[in-house]
Amino acid sequence: MPASIREEVDHLLEAAFTREMSTRLNCPSCGSAHVAQMLGDNGGISYVCTACGHSWS
């Protein structure tokens, strides 16, 4: 495989990893990444930590 194709694949994999890491949520209370997204009462988005039970929007 030519080096230019390898470099492009490496670049794409790095970009996908960076995007995944930047969209992760952490609980502001305990710092856990075990966060679930749920629909709020008025149709808004809320989050709940499945580790400690803290919820926020």
C-alpha atoms as a PDB file:
ATOM      1  CA  MET A   1       0.000   0.000   0.000  1.00  0.00           C
ATOM      2  CA  PRO A   2       1.449   3.418  -0.907  1.00  0.00           C
ATOM      3  CA  ALA A   3       2.496   5.641   1.976  1.00  0.00           C
ATOM      4  CA  SER A   4       0.091   8.412   0.934  1.00  0.00           C
ATOM      5  CA  ILE A   5      -2.917   6.107   1.344  1.00  0.00           C
ATOM      6  CA  ARG A   6      -1.686   4.951   4.746  1.00  0.00           C
ATOM      7  CA  GLU A   7      -1.217   8.539   5.857  1.00  0.00           C
ATOM      8  CA  GLU A   8      -4.752   9.404   4.739  1.00  0.00           C
ATOM      9  CA  VAL A   9      -6.219   6.418   6.589  1.00  0.00           C
ATOM     10  CA  ASP A  10      -4.291   7.350   9.737  1.00  0.00           C
ATOM     11  CA  HIS A  11      -5.556  10.918   9.449  1.00  0.00           C
ATOM     12  CA  LEU A  12      -9.178   9.758   9.074  1.00  0.00           C
ATOM     13  CA  LEU A  13      -8.906   7.385  12.046  1.00  0.00           C
ATOM     14  CA  GLU A  14      -7.401  10.119  14.198  1.00  0.00           C
ATOM     15  CA  ALA A  15     -10.189  12.540  13.221  1.00  0.00           C
ATOM     16  CA  ALA A  16     -12.881   9.951  14.066  1.00  0.00           C
ATOM     17  CA  PHE A  17     -11.291   9.248  17.459  1.00  0.00           C
ATOM     18  CA  THR A  18     -11.020  12.973  18.250  1.00  0.00           C
ATOM     19  CA  ARG A  19     -14.660  13.553  17.286  1.00  0.00           C
ATOM     20  CA  GLU A  20     -15.802  10.642  19.472  1.00  0.00           C
ATOM     21  CA  MET A  21     -13.840  11.895  22.460  1.00  0.00           C
ATOM     22  CA  SER A  22     -15.091  15.475  22.084  1.00  0.00           C
ATOM     23  CA  THR A  23     -18.756  14.462  22.089  1.00  0.00           C
ATOM     24  CA  ARG A  24     -18.637  12.355  25.227  1.00  0.00           C
ATOM     25  CA  LEU A  25     -20.386  13.677  28.307  1.00  0.00           C
ATOM     26  CA  ASN A  26     -19.106  13.379  31.823  1.00  0.00           C
ATOM     27  CA  CYS A  27     -21.194  13.783  34.938  1.00  0.00           C
ATOM     28  CA  PRO A  28     -20.494  17.184  36.530  1.00  0.00           C
ATOM     29  CA  SER A  29     -21.024  15.624  39.961  1.00  0.00           C
ATOM     30  CA  CYS A  30     -18.860  12.496  39.921  1.00  0.00           C
ATOM     31  CA  GLY A  31     -17.017  12.721  36.563  1.00  0.00           C
ATOM     32  CA  SER A  32     -18.323   9.378  35.297  1.00  0.00           C
ATOM     33  CA  ALA A  33     -18.781   8.883  31.539  1.00  0.00           C
ATOM     34  CA  HIS A  34     -21.847   6.698  32.188  1.00  0.00           C
ATOM     35  CA  VAL A  35     -24.387   9.303  31.099  1.00  0.00           C
ATOM     36  CA  ALA A  36     -27.790   8.674  29.550  1.00  0.00           C
ATOM     37  CA  GLN A  37     -29.690  11.211  27.478  1.00  0.00           C
ATOM     38  CA  MET A  38     -33.420  11.508  28.130  1.00  0.00           C
ATOM     39  CA  LEU A  39     -36.327  13.647  27.026  1.00  0.00           C
ATOM     40  CA  GLY A  40     -37.258  16.369  29.485  1.00  0.00           C
ATOM     41  CA  ASP A  41     -40.773  17.317  30.601  1.00  0.00           C
ATOM     42  CA  ASN A  42     -41.100  20.164  28.074  1.00  0.00           C
ATOM     43  CA  GLY A  43     -39.467  18.284  25.216  1.00  0.00           C
ATOM     44  CA  GLY A  44     -35.967  19.489  26.112  1.00  0.00           C
ATOM     45  CA  ILE A  45     -32.951  17.283  26.543  1.00  0.00           C
ATOM     46  CA  SER A  46     -31.835  16.172  29.995  1.00  0.00           C
ATOM     47  CA  TYR A  47     -29.020  13.915  31.130  1.00  0.00           C
ATOM     48  CA  VAL A  48     -28.688  11.480  34.003  1.00  0.00           C
ATOM     49  CA  CYS A  49     -25.586   9.804  35.354  1.00  0.00           C
ATOM     50  CA  THR A  50     -26.184   6.087  35.673  1.00  0.00           C
ATOM     51  CA  ALA A  51     -23.317   5.828  38.155  1.00  0.00           C
ATOM     52  CA  CYS A  52     -24.452   8.332  40.807  1.00  0.00           C
ATOM     53  CA  GLY A  53     -27.987   9.333  39.755  1.00  0.00           C
ATOM     54  CA  HIS A  54     -27.228  13.040  39.262  1.00  0.00           C
ATOM     55  CA  SER A  55     -29.433  14.645  36.591  1.00  0.00           C
ATOM     56  CA  TRP A  56     -29.026  17.932  34.692  1.00  0.00           C
ATOM     57  CA  SER A  57     -30.077  19.663  31.508  1.00  0.00           C
END
